[in-house]
PDB file of N, CA and C in Angstrom:
ATOM      1  N   MET A   1      67.057  64.930 109.034  1.00  0.00           N
ATOM      2  CA  MET A   1      66.759  65.628 107.810  1.00  0.00           C
ATOM      3  C   MET A   1      67.898  65.423 106.823  1.00  0.00           C
ATOM      4  N   ASP A   2      67.563  65.355 105.583  1.00  0.00           N
ATOM      5  CA  ASP A   2      68.565  65.274 104.534  1.00  0.00           C
ATOM      6  C   ASP A   2      69.162  66.653 104.329  1.00  0.00           C
ATOM      7  N   THR A   3      70.338  66.704 103.735  1.00  0.00           N
ATOM      8  CA  THR A   3      71.006  67.970 103.475  1.00  0.00           C
ATOM      9  C   THR A   3      70.086  68.922 102.709  1.00  0.00           C
ATOM     10  N   GLY A   4      69.875  70.098 103.252  1.00  0.00           N
ATOM     11  CA  GLY A   4      69.087  71.117 102.584  1.00  0.00           C
ATOM     12  C   GLY A   4      67.586  70.926 102.664  1.00  0.00           C
ATOM     13  N   THR A   5      67.113  69.902 103.350  1.00  0.00           N
ATOM     14  CA  THR A   5      65.677  69.671 103.454  1.00  0.00           C
ATOM     15  C   THR A   5      65.070  70.639 104.454  1.00  0.00           C
ATOM     16  N   GLY A   6      64.013  71.329 104.059  1.00  0.00           N
ATOM     17  CA  GLY A   6      63.261  72.156 104.995  1.00  0.00           C
ATOM     18  C   GLY A   6      63.699  73.599 105.098  1.00  0.00           C
ATOM     19  N   ALA A   7      64.844  73.961 104.542  1.00  0.00           N
ATOM     20  CA  ALA A   7      65.308  75.348 104.671  1.00  0.00           C
ATOM     21  C   ALA A   7      66.267  75.684 103.537  1.00  0.00           C
ATOM     22  N   ALA A   8      66.411  76.973 103.312  1.00  0.00           N
ATOM     23  CA  ALA A   8      67.376  77.437 102.310  1.00  0.00           C
ATOM     24  C   ALA A   8      68.785  77.145 102.782  1.00  0.00           C
ATOM     25  N   GLN A   9      69.702  76.978 101.848  1.00  0.00           N
ATOM     26  CA  GLN A   9      71.092  76.737 102.195  1.00  0.00           C
ATOM     27  C   GLN A   9      71.861  78.054 102.181  1.00  0.00           C
ATOM     28  N   GLY A  10      72.816  78.198 103.103  1.00  0.00           N
ATOM     29  CA  GLY A  10      73.633  79.399 103.195  1.00  0.00           C
ATOM     30  C   GLY A  10      73.798  79.814 104.636  1.00  0.00           C
ATOM     31  N   ALA A  11      74.728  80.716 104.890  1.00  0.00           N
ATOM     32  CA  ALA A  11      75.016  81.159 106.253  1.00  0.00           C
ATOM     33  C   ALA A  11      73.847  81.970 106.818  1.00  0.00           C
ATOM     34  N   LEU A  12      73.654  81.857 108.118  1.00  0.00           N
ATOM     35  CA  LEU A  12      72.631  82.610 108.839  1.00  0.00           C
ATOM     36  C   LEU A  12      73.295  83.853 109.425  1.00  0.00           C
ATOM     37  N   GLY A  13      72.807  85.017 109.065  1.00  0.00           N
ATOM     38  CA  GLY A  13      73.399  86.280 109.489  1.00  0.00           C
ATOM     39  C   GLY A  13      73.066  86.664 110.914  1.00  0.00           C
ATOM     40  N   ALA A  14      73.671  87.756 111.365  1.00  0.00           N
ATOM     41  CA  ALA A  14      73.464  88.275 112.715  1.00  0.00           C
ATOM     42  C   ALA A  14      72.020  88.719 112.923  1.00  0.00           C
ATOM     43  N   LYS A  15      71.510  88.447 114.121  1.00  0.00           N
ATOM     44  CA  LYS A  15      70.150  88.845 114.515  1.00  0.00           C
ATOM     45  C   LYS A  15      69.103  88.295 113.541  1.00  0.00           C
ATOM     46  N   SER A  16      69.392  87.121 112.964  1.00  0.00           N
ATOM     47  CA  SER A  16      68.500  86.504 111.986  1.00  0.00           C
ATOM     48  C   SER A  16      67.984  85.179 112.510  1.00  0.00           C
ATOM     49  N   LYS A  17      66.805  84.789 111.998  1.00  0.00           N
ATOM     50  CA  LYS A  17      66.274  83.486 112.352  1.00  0.00           C
ATOM     51  C   LYS A  17      65.941  82.713 111.093  1.00  0.00           C
ATOM     52  N   LEU A  18      66.003  81.426 111.228  1.00  0.00           N
ATOM     53  CA  LEU A  18      65.710  80.495 110.159  1.00  0.00           C
ATOM     54  C   LEU A  18      64.549  79.633 110.627  1.00  0.00           C
ATOM     55  N   SER A  19      63.479  79.556 109.846  1.00  0.00           N
ATOM     56  CA  SER A  19      62.357  78.678 110.172  1.00  0.00           C
ATOM     57  C   SER A  19      62.529  77.388 109.387  1.00  0.00           C
ATOM     58  N   VAL A  20      62.415  76.263 110.087  1.00  0.00           N
ATOM     59  CA  VAL A  20      62.600  74.952 109.474  1.00  0.00           C
ATOM     60  C   VAL A  20      61.359  74.107 109.720  1.00  0.00           C
ATOM     61  N   LYS A  21      60.730  73.656 108.656  1.00  0.00           N
ATOM     62  CA  LYS A  21      59.564  72.776 108.757  1.00  0.00           C
ATOM     63  C   LYS A  21      60.065  71.399 109.157  1.00  0.00           C
ATOM     64  N   VAL A  22      59.600  70.893 110.310  1.00  0.00           N
ATOM     65  CA  VAL A  22      60.043  69.583 110.789  1.00  0.00           C
ATOM     66  C   VAL A  22      58.896  68.581 110.867  1.00  0.00           C
ATOM     67  N   ALA A  23      57.719  69.013 111.292  1.00  0.00           N
ATOM     68  CA  ALA A  23      56.578  68.097 111.424  1.00  0.00           C
ATOM     69  C   ALA A  23      55.973  67.851 110.050  1.00  0.00           C
ATOM     70  N   GLY A  24      55.751  66.579 109.747  1.00  0.00           N
ATOM     71  CA  GLY A  24      55.197  66.214 108.454  1.00  0.00           C
ATOM     72  C   GLY A  24      56.250  66.062 107.369  1.00  0.00           C
ATOM     73  N   THR A  25      57.534  66.114 107.731  1.00  0.00           N
ATOM     74  CA  THR A  25      58.624  65.930 106.765  1.00  0.00           C
ATOM     75  C   THR A  25      59.665  64.979 107.338  1.00  0.00           C
ATOM     76  N   GLY A  26      60.406  64.331 106.462  1.00  0.00           N
ATOM     77  CA  GLY A  26      61.541  63.508 106.892  1.00  0.00           C
ATOM     78  C   GLY A  26      61.201  62.431 107.898  1.00  0.00           C
ATOM     79  N   GLY A  27      59.983  61.918 107.879  1.00  0.00           N
ATOM     80  CA  GLY A  27      59.596  60.860 108.804  1.00  0.00           C
ATOM     81  C   GLY A  27      59.040  61.347 110.130  1.00  0.00           C
ATOM     82  N   VAL A  28      59.001  62.643 110.350  1.00  0.00           N
ATOM     83  CA  VAL A  28      58.419  63.201 111.574  1.00  0.00           C
ATOM     84  C   VAL A  28      56.911  63.364 111.342  1.00  0.00           C
ATOM     85  N   PRO A  29      56.060  62.757 112.180  1.00  0.00           N
ATOM     86  CA  PRO A  29      54.616  62.876 111.978  1.00  0.00           C
ATOM     87  C   PRO A  29      54.132  64.320 112.088  1.00  0.00           C
ATOM     88  N   ALA A  30      53.067  64.638 111.366  1.00  0.00           N
ATOM     89  CA  ALA A  30      52.498  65.982 111.379  1.00  0.00           C
ATOM     90  C   ALA A  30      52.078  66.422 112.778  1.00  0.00           C
ATOM     91  N   GLY A  31      51.717  65.508 113.653  1.00  0.00           N
ATOM     92  CA  GLY A  31      51.258  65.855 114.997  1.00  0.00           C
ATOM     93  C   GLY A  31      52.343  65.954 116.048  1.00  0.00           C
ATOM     94  N   ALA A  32      53.618  65.897 115.662  1.00  0.00           N
ATOM     95  CA  ALA A  32      54.712  65.960 116.637  1.00  0.00           C
ATOM     96  C   ALA A  32      54.661  67.274 117.418  1.00  0.00           C
ATOM     97  N   LYS A  33      54.824  67.179 118.730  1.00  0.00           N
ATOM     98  CA  LYS A  33      54.804  68.366 119.595  1.00  0.00           C
ATOM     99  C   LYS A  33      56.194  68.897 119.891  1.00  0.00           C
ATOM    100  N   ALA A  34      57.213  68.035 119.728  1.00  0.00           N
ATOM    101  CA  ALA A  34      58.597  68.437 119.964  1.00  0.00           C
ATOM    102  C   ALA A  34      59.503  67.520 119.150  1.00  0.00           C
ATOM    103  N   VAL A  35      60.693  68.024 118.837  1.00  0.00           N
ATOM    104  CA  VAL A  35      61.691  67.226 118.134  1.00  0.00           C
ATOM    105  C   VAL A  35      63.008  67.272 118.906  1.00  0.00           C
ATOM    106  N   LEU A  36      63.729  66.168 118.825  1.00  0.00           N
ATOM    107  CA  LEU A  36      65.072  66.103 119.378  1.00  0.00           C
ATOM    108  C   LEU A  36      66.008  66.458 118.231  1.00  0.00           C
ATOM    109  N   VAL A  37      66.709  67.587 118.364  1.00  0.00           N
ATOM    110  CA  VAL A  37      67.525  68.124 117.278  1.00  0.00           C
ATOM    111  C   VAL A  37      68.986  68.175 117.692  1.00  0.00           C
ATOM    112  N   ASN A  38      69.856  67.653 116.826  1.00  0.00           N
ATOM    113  CA  ASN A  38      71.281  67.857 116.997  1.00  0.00           C
ATOM    114  C   ASN A  38      71.614  69.125 116.217  1.00  0.00           C
ATOM    115  N   LEU A  39      71.809  70.227 116.926  1.00  0.00           N
ATOM    116  CA  LEU A  39      72.051  71.540 116.332  1.00  0.00           C
ATOM    117  C   LEU A  39      73.553  71.782 116.271  1.00  0.00           C
ATOM    118  N   THR A  40      74.053  72.035 115.061  1.00  0.00           N
ATOM    119  CA  THR A  40      75.484  72.254 114.857  1.00  0.00           C
ATOM    120  C   THR A  40      75.715  73.632 114.243  1.00  0.00           C
ATOM    121  N   GLY A  41      76.629  74.382 114.823  1.00  0.00           N
ATOM    122  CA  GLY A  41      77.089  75.648 114.271  1.00  0.00           C
ATOM    123  C   GLY A  41      78.460  75.422 113.661  1.00  0.00           C
ATOM    124  N   VAL A  42      78.657  75.896 112.430  1.00  0.00           N
ATOM    125  CA  VAL A  42      79.887  75.632 111.695  1.00  0.00           C
ATOM    126  C   VAL A  42      80.599  76.937 111.369  1.00  0.00           C
ATOM    127  N   LYS A  43      81.788  77.112 111.940  1.00  0.00           N
ATOM    128  CA  LYS A  43      82.715  78.209 111.651  1.00  0.00           C
ATOM    129  C   LYS A  43      82.071  79.602 111.645  1.00  0.00           C
ATOM    130  N   PRO A  44      81.545  80.056 112.783  1.00  0.00           N
ATOM    131  CA  PRO A  44      81.000  81.420 112.827  1.00  0.00           C
ATOM    132  C   PRO A  44      82.108  82.451 112.623  1.00  0.00           C
ATOM    133  N   THR A  45      81.722  83.589 112.057  1.00  0.00           N
ATOM    134  CA  THR A  45      82.691  84.651 111.791  1.00  0.00           C
ATOM    135  C   THR A  45      83.088  85.407 113.058  1.00  0.00           C
ATOM    136  N   THR A  46      82.293  85.264 114.118  1.00  0.00           N
ATOM    137  CA  THR A  46      82.582  85.862 115.414  1.00  0.00           C
ATOM    138  C   THR A  46      81.931  84.989 116.481  1.00  0.00           C
ATOM    139  N   SER A  47      82.303  85.162 117.739  1.00  0.00           N
ATOM    140  CA  SER A  47      81.650  84.406 118.806  1.00  0.00           C
ATOM    141  C   SER A  47      80.163  84.719 118.804  1.00  0.00           C
ATOM    142  N   THR A  48      79.341  83.697 118.972  1.00  0.00           N
ATOM    143  CA  THR A  48      77.897  83.876 118.896  1.00  0.00           C
ATOM    144  C   THR A  48      77.189  82.799 119.690  1.00  0.00           C
ATOM    145  N   TRP A  49      75.887  82.889 119.716  1.00  0.00           N
ATOM    146  CA  TRP A  49      75.054  81.828 120.276  1.00  0.00           C
ATOM    147  C   TRP A  49      73.845  81.622 119.383  1.00  0.00           C
ATOM    148  N   LEU A  50      73.360  80.385 119.392  1.00  0.00           N
ATOM    149  CA  LEU A  50      72.165  80.006 118.656  1.00  0.00           C
ATOM    150  C   LEU A  50      71.088  79.604 119.642  1.00  0.00           C
ATOM    151  N   SER A  51      69.860  79.866 119.296  1.00  0.00           N
ATOM    152  CA  SER A  51      68.730  79.438 120.113  1.00  0.00           C
ATOM    153  C   SER A  51      67.707  78.777 119.197  1.00  0.00           C
ATOM    154  N   ALA A  52      67.238  77.588 119.580  1.00  0.00           N
ATOM    155  CA  ALA A  52      66.202  76.866 118.827  1.00  0.00           C
ATOM    156  C   ALA A  52      64.933  76.860 119.665  1.00  0.00           C
ATOM    157  N   TYR A  53      63.782  77.147 119.011  1.00  0.00           N
ATOM    158  CA  TYR A  53      62.522  77.274 119.743  1.00  0.00           C
ATOM    159  C   TYR A  53      61.349  77.109 118.783  1.00  0.00           C
ATOM    160  N   ALA A  54      60.147  77.003 119.330  1.00  0.00           N
ATOM    161  CA  ALA A  54      58.944  76.808 118.514  1.00  0.00           C
ATOM    162  C   ALA A  54      58.677  78.025 117.641  1.00  0.00           C
ATOM    163  N   ASP A  55      58.414  77.782 116.347  1.00  0.00           N
ATOM    164  CA  ASP A  55      58.045  78.873 115.453  1.00  0.00           C
ATOM    165  C   ASP A  55      56.777  79.540 115.967  1.00  0.00           C
ATOM    166  N   GLY A  56      56.742  80.854 115.914  1.00  0.00           N
ATOM    167  CA  GLY A  56      55.576  81.604 116.385  1.00  0.00           C
ATOM    168  C   GLY A  56      55.640  81.991 117.841  1.00  0.00           C
ATOM    169  N   SER A  57      56.668  81.544 118.552  1.00  0.00           N
ATOM    170  CA  SER A  57      56.814  81.932 119.956  1.00  0.00           C
ATOM    171  C   SER A  57      57.958  82.940 120.088  1.00  0.00           C
ATOM    172  N   ALA A  58      58.060  83.550 121.255  1.00  0.00           N
ATOM    173  CA  ALA A  58      59.098  84.556 121.498  1.00  0.00           C
ATOM    174  C   ALA A  58      60.469  83.895 121.638  1.00  0.00           C
ATOM    175  N   LEU A  59      61.502  84.639 121.254  1.00  0.00           N
ATOM    176  CA  LEU A  59      62.876  84.178 121.442  1.00  0.00           C
ATOM    177  C   LEU A  59      63.103  83.905 122.926  1.00  0.00           C
ATOM    178  N   PRO A  60      63.546  82.698 123.280  1.00  0.00           N
ATOM    179  CA  PRO A  60      63.763  82.397 124.702  1.00  0.00           C
ATOM    180  C   PRO A  60      64.941  83.187 125.273  1.00  0.00           C
ATOM    181  N   GLY A  61      65.003  83.234 126.575  1.00  0.00           N
ATOM    182  CA  GLY A  61      66.066  83.958 127.264  1.00  0.00           C
ATOM    183  C   GLY A  61      67.320  83.137 127.472  1.00  0.00           C
ATOM    184  N   SER A  62      67.431  81.980 126.819  1.00  0.00           N
ATOM    185  CA  SER A  62      68.620  81.141 126.965  1.00  0.00           C
ATOM    186  C   SER A  62      69.057  80.629 125.593  1.00  0.00           C
ATOM    187  N   SER A  63      70.331  80.292 125.499  1.00  0.00           N
ATOM    188  CA  SER A  63      70.869  79.789 124.236  1.00  0.00           C
ATOM    189  C   SER A  63      70.781  78.265 124.204  1.00  0.00           C
ATOM    190  N   THR A  64      70.799  77.730 122.995  1.00  0.00           N
ATOM    191  CA  THR A  64      70.853  76.291 122.799  1.00  0.00           C
ATOM    192  C   THR A  64      72.283  75.854 122.535  1.00  0.00           C
ATOM    193  N   LEU A  65      73.073  76.724 121.898  1.00  0.00           N
ATOM    194  CA  LEU A  65      74.447  76.401 121.525  1.00  0.00           C
ATOM    195  C   LEU A  65      75.278  77.679 121.536  1.00  0.00           C
ATOM    196  N   ASN A  66      76.435  77.634 122.197  1.00  0.00           N
ATOM    197  CA  ASN A  66      77.374  78.758 122.231  1.00  0.00           C
ATOM    198  C   ASN A  66      78.592  78.413 121.385  1.00  0.00           C
ATOM    199  N   LEU A  67      79.045  79.376 120.582  1.00  0.00           N
ATOM    200  CA  LEU A  67      80.142  79.125 119.649  1.00  0.00           C
ATOM    201  C   LEU A  67      81.213  80.202 119.732  1.00  0.00           C
ATOM    202  N   ALA A  68      82.470  79.788 119.712  1.00  0.00           N
ATOM    203  CA  ALA A  68      83.598  80.707 119.606  1.00  0.00           C
ATOM    204  C   ALA A  68      83.895  80.935 118.128  1.00  0.00           C
ATOM    205  N   THR A  69      84.535  82.025 117.806  1.00  0.00           N
ATOM    206  CA  THR A  69      84.902  82.346 116.429  1.00  0.00           C
ATOM    207  C   THR A  69      85.612  81.161 115.778  1.00  0.00           C
ATOM    208  N   GLY A  70      85.130  80.741 114.609  1.00  0.00           N
ATOM    209  CA  GLY A  70      85.763  79.677 113.840  1.00  0.00           C
ATOM    210  C   GLY A  70      85.511  78.263 114.322  1.00  0.00           C
ATOM    211  N   ALA A  71      84.825  78.105 115.437  1.00  0.00           N
ATOM    212  CA  ALA A  71      84.593  76.770 116.010  1.00  0.00           C
ATOM    213  C   ALA A  71      83.465  76.049 115.269  1.00  0.00           C
ATOM    214  N   THR A  72      83.484  74.739 115.373  1.00  0.00           N
ATOM    215  CA  THR A  72      82.367  73.912 114.928  1.00  0.00           C
ATOM    216  C   THR A  72      81.962  73.078 116.126  1.00  0.00           C
ATOM    217  N   ARG A  73      80.726  73.261 116.572  1.00  0.00           N
ATOM    218  CA  ARG A  73      80.233  72.564 117.765  1.00  0.00           C
ATOM    219  C   ARG A  73      78.794  72.146 117.554  1.00  0.00           C
ATOM    220  N   ALA A  74      78.390  71.137 118.334  1.00  0.00           N
ATOM    221  CA  ALA A  74      77.012  70.646 118.259  1.00  0.00           C
ATOM    222  C   ALA A  74      76.440  70.486 119.658  1.00  0.00           C
ATOM    223  N   ASN A  75      75.111  70.496 119.741  1.00  0.00           N
ATOM    224  CA  ASN A  75      74.411  70.274 120.988  1.00  0.00           C
ATOM    225  C   ASN A  75      73.075  69.602 120.677  1.00  0.00           C
ATOM    226  N   LEU A  76      72.721  68.613 121.465  1.00  0.00           N
ATOM    227  CA  LEU A  76      71.448  67.926 121.313  1.00  0.00           C
ATOM    228  C   LEU A  76      70.420  68.640 122.174  1.00  0.00           C
ATOM    229  N   ALA A  77      69.274  68.984 121.580  1.00  0.00           N
ATOM    230  CA  ALA A  77      68.266  69.765 122.306  1.00  0.00           C
ATOM    231  C   ALA A  77      66.863  69.286 121.969  1.00  0.00           C
ATOM    232  N   LEU A  78      65.991  69.325 122.951  1.00  0.00           N
ATOM    233  CA  LEU A  78      64.576  69.054 122.756  1.00  0.00           C
ATOM    234  C   LEU A  78      63.904  70.391 122.459  1.00  0.00           C
ATOM    235  N   VAL A  79      63.290  70.506 121.273  1.00  0.00           N
ATOM    236  CA  VAL A  79      62.746  71.782 120.817  1.00  0.00           C
ATOM    237  C   VAL A  79      61.255  71.631 120.550  1.00  0.00           C
ATOM    238  N   PRO A  80      60.408  72.461 121.182  1.00  0.00           N
ATOM    239  CA  PRO A  80      58.975  72.414 120.873  1.00  0.00           C
ATOM    240  C   PRO A  80      58.722  72.800 119.421  1.00  0.00           C
ATOM    241  N   VAL A  81      57.683  72.218 118.849  1.00  0.00           N
ATOM    242  CA  VAL A  81      57.306  72.505 117.466  1.00  0.00           C
ATOM    243  C   VAL A  81      56.154  73.504 117.470  1.00  0.00           C
ATOM    244  N   GLY A  82      56.229  74.517 116.611  1.00  0.00           N
ATOM    245  CA  GLY A  82      55.168  75.507 116.500  1.00  0.00           C
ATOM    246  C   GLY A  82      53.911  74.909 115.874  1.00  0.00           C
ATOM    247  N   SER A  83      52.820  75.641 115.960  1.00  0.00           N
ATOM    248  CA  SER A  83      51.535  75.149 115.439  1.00  0.00           C
ATOM    249  C   SER A  83      51.574  74.913 113.934  1.00  0.00           C
ATOM    250  N   ASP A  84      52.527  75.534 113.235  1.00  0.00           N
ATOM    251  CA  ASP A  84      52.669  75.334 111.789  1.00  0.00           C
ATOM    252  C   ASP A  84      53.617  74.187 111.450  1.00  0.00           C
ATOM    253  N   GLY A  85      54.126  73.484 112.483  1.00  0.00           N
ATOM    254  CA  GLY A  85      55.024  72.352 112.269  1.00  0.00           C
ATOM    255  C   GLY A  85      56.482  72.725 112.120  1.00  0.00           C
ATOM    256  N   SER A  86      56.835  73.975 112.475  1.00  0.00           N
ATOM    257  CA  SER A  86      58.206  74.458 112.285  1.00  0.00           C
ATOM    258  C   SER A  86      58.897  74.806 113.597  1.00  0.00           C
ATOM    259  N   ILE A  87      60.221  74.813 113.538  1.00  0.00           N
ATOM    260  CA  ILE A  87      61.042  75.354 114.622  1.00  0.00           C
ATOM    261  C   ILE A  87      61.813  76.539 114.051  1.00  0.00           C
ATOM    262  N   ASP A  88      62.227  77.442 114.920  1.00  0.00           N
ATOM    263  CA  ASP A  88      63.053  78.580 114.529  1.00  0.00           C
ATOM    264  C   ASP A  88      64.437  78.415 115.136  1.00  0.00           C
ATOM    265  N   ILE A  89      65.456  78.834 114.382  1.00  0.00           N
ATOM    266  CA  ILE A  89      66.835  78.865 114.864  1.00  0.00           C
ATOM    267  C   ILE A  89      67.328  80.293 114.697  1.00  0.00           C
ATOM    268  N   TYR A  90      67.745  80.902 115.807  1.00  0.00           N
ATOM    269  CA  TYR A  90      68.168  82.302 115.835  1.00  0.00           C
ATOM    270  C   TYR A  90      69.676  82.368 116.034  1.00  0.00           C
ATOM    271  N   ASN A  91      70.342  83.236 115.265  1.00  0.00           N
ATOM    272  CA  ASN A  91      71.771  83.497 115.416  1.00  0.00           C
ATOM    273  C   ASN A  91      71.957  84.917 115.935  1.00  0.00           C
ATOM    274  N   ASN A  92      72.756  85.072 116.991  1.00  0.00           N
ATOM    275  CA  ASN A  92      72.923  86.376 117.612  1.00  0.00           C
ATOM    276  C   ASN A  92      73.933  87.288 116.910  1.00  0.00           C
ATOM    277  N   SER A  93      75.111  86.772 116.540  1.00  0.00           N
ATOM    278  CA  SER A  93      76.183  87.642 116.035  1.00  0.00           C
ATOM    279  C   SER A  93      76.885  87.045 114.820  1.00  0.00           C
ATOM    280  N   GLY A  94      77.441  87.914 113.983  1.00  0.00           N
ATOM    281  CA  GLY A  94      78.210  87.450 112.829  1.00  0.00           C
ATOM    282  C   GLY A  94      77.366  86.587 111.908  1.00  0.00           C
ATOM    283  N   SER A  95      78.022  85.714 111.187  1.00  0.00           N
ATOM    284  CA  SER A  95      77.295  84.751 110.369  1.00  0.00           C
ATOM    285  C   SER A  95      77.831  83.360 110.675  1.00  0.00           C
ATOM    286  N   VAL A  96      76.959  82.358 110.512  1.00  0.00           N
ATOM    287  CA  VAL A  96      77.322  80.982 110.844  1.00  0.00           C
ATOM    288  C   VAL A  96      76.494  80.042 109.985  1.00  0.00           C
ATOM    289  N   ASN A  97      77.112  78.948 109.577  1.00  0.00           N
ATOM    290  CA  ASN A  97      76.368  77.887 108.909  1.00  0.00           C
ATOM    291  C   ASN A  97      75.758  77.009 109.986  1.00  0.00           C
ATOM    292  N   VAL A  98      74.517  76.599 109.773  1.00  0.00           N
ATOM    293  CA  VAL A  98      73.774  75.842 110.776  1.00  0.00           C
ATOM    294  C   VAL A  98      73.307  74.525 110.167  1.00  0.00           C
ATOM    295  N   VAL A  99      73.492  73.456 110.922  1.00  0.00           N
ATOM    296  CA  VAL A  99      72.983  72.147 110.542  1.00  0.00           C
ATOM    297  C   VAL A  99      72.054  71.696 111.662  1.00  0.00           C
ATOM    298  N   ALA A 100      70.835  71.305 111.303  1.00  0.00           N
ATOM    299  CA  ALA A 100      69.866  70.815 112.292  1.00  0.00           C
ATOM    300  C   ALA A 100      69.419  69.419 111.867  1.00  0.00           C
ATOM    301  N   ASP A 101      69.897  68.408 112.581  1.00  0.00           N
ATOM    302  CA  ASP A 101      69.531  67.023 112.300  1.00  0.00           C
ATOM    303  C   ASP A 101      68.482  66.579 113.301  1.00  0.00           C
ATOM    304  N   VAL A 102      67.298  66.213 112.813  1.00  0.00           N
ATOM    305  CA  VAL A 102      66.246  65.711 113.701  1.00  0.00           C
ATOM    306  C   VAL A 102      66.558  64.256 114.031  1.00  0.00           C
ATOM    307  N   GLU A 103      66.728  63.968 115.317  1.00  0.00           N
ATOM    308  CA  GLU A 103      67.087  62.635 115.787  1.00  0.00           C
ATOM    309  C   GLU A 103      65.882  61.862 116.307  1.00  0.00           C
ATOM    310  N   GLY A 104      64.812  62.572 116.659  1.00  0.00           N
ATOM    311  CA  GLY A 104      63.626  61.908 117.190  1.00  0.00           C
ATOM    312  C   GLY A 104      62.516  62.931 117.362  1.00  0.00           C
ATOM    313  N   PHE A 105      61.354  62.459 117.825  1.00  0.00           N
ATOM    314  CA  PHE A 105      60.208  63.327 117.994  1.00  0.00           C
ATOM    315  C   PHE A 105      59.321  62.835 119.124  1.00  0.00           C
ATOM    316  N   TYR A 106      58.466  63.716 119.620  1.00  0.00           N
ATOM    317  CA  TYR A 106      57.521  63.389 120.688  1.00  0.00           C
ATOM    318  C   TYR A 106      56.119  63.671 120.199  1.00  0.00           C
ATOM    319  N   LEU A 107      55.236  62.687 120.407  1.00  0.00           N
ATOM    320  CA  LEU A 107      53.829  62.833 120.050  1.00  0.00           C
ATOM    321  C   LEU A 107      53.026  63.121 121.325  1.00  0.00           C
ATOM    322  N   PRO A 108      51.855  63.736 121.192  1.00  0.00           N
ATOM    323  CA  PRO A 108      51.052  63.998 122.388  1.00  0.00           C
ATOM    324  C   PRO A 108      50.516  62.714 122.997  1.00  0.00           C
TER     325      PRO A 108
END
């Protein structure tokens, strides 16, 4: 994804989620069932974790990326795509800037 494509720009607050349209944008076909995402958390204000999952589904019981205060880290994850073509990214604590780069996709 290009910078700022698919979502508003700005830090993601505590107990907040960001929905990002991935299917049908940036070269990802509308019928994609999952995307390979390089998820990066940038300088969180406190230790936190991020979870990426299909839009419209329940928050999973596991994290995709764990971050220490002030750290910048990334993790590559396979994320199912919701029926609306979006993924959700949830931040547990503090605020953090999030970068989600789609590296690939899976078709049925």
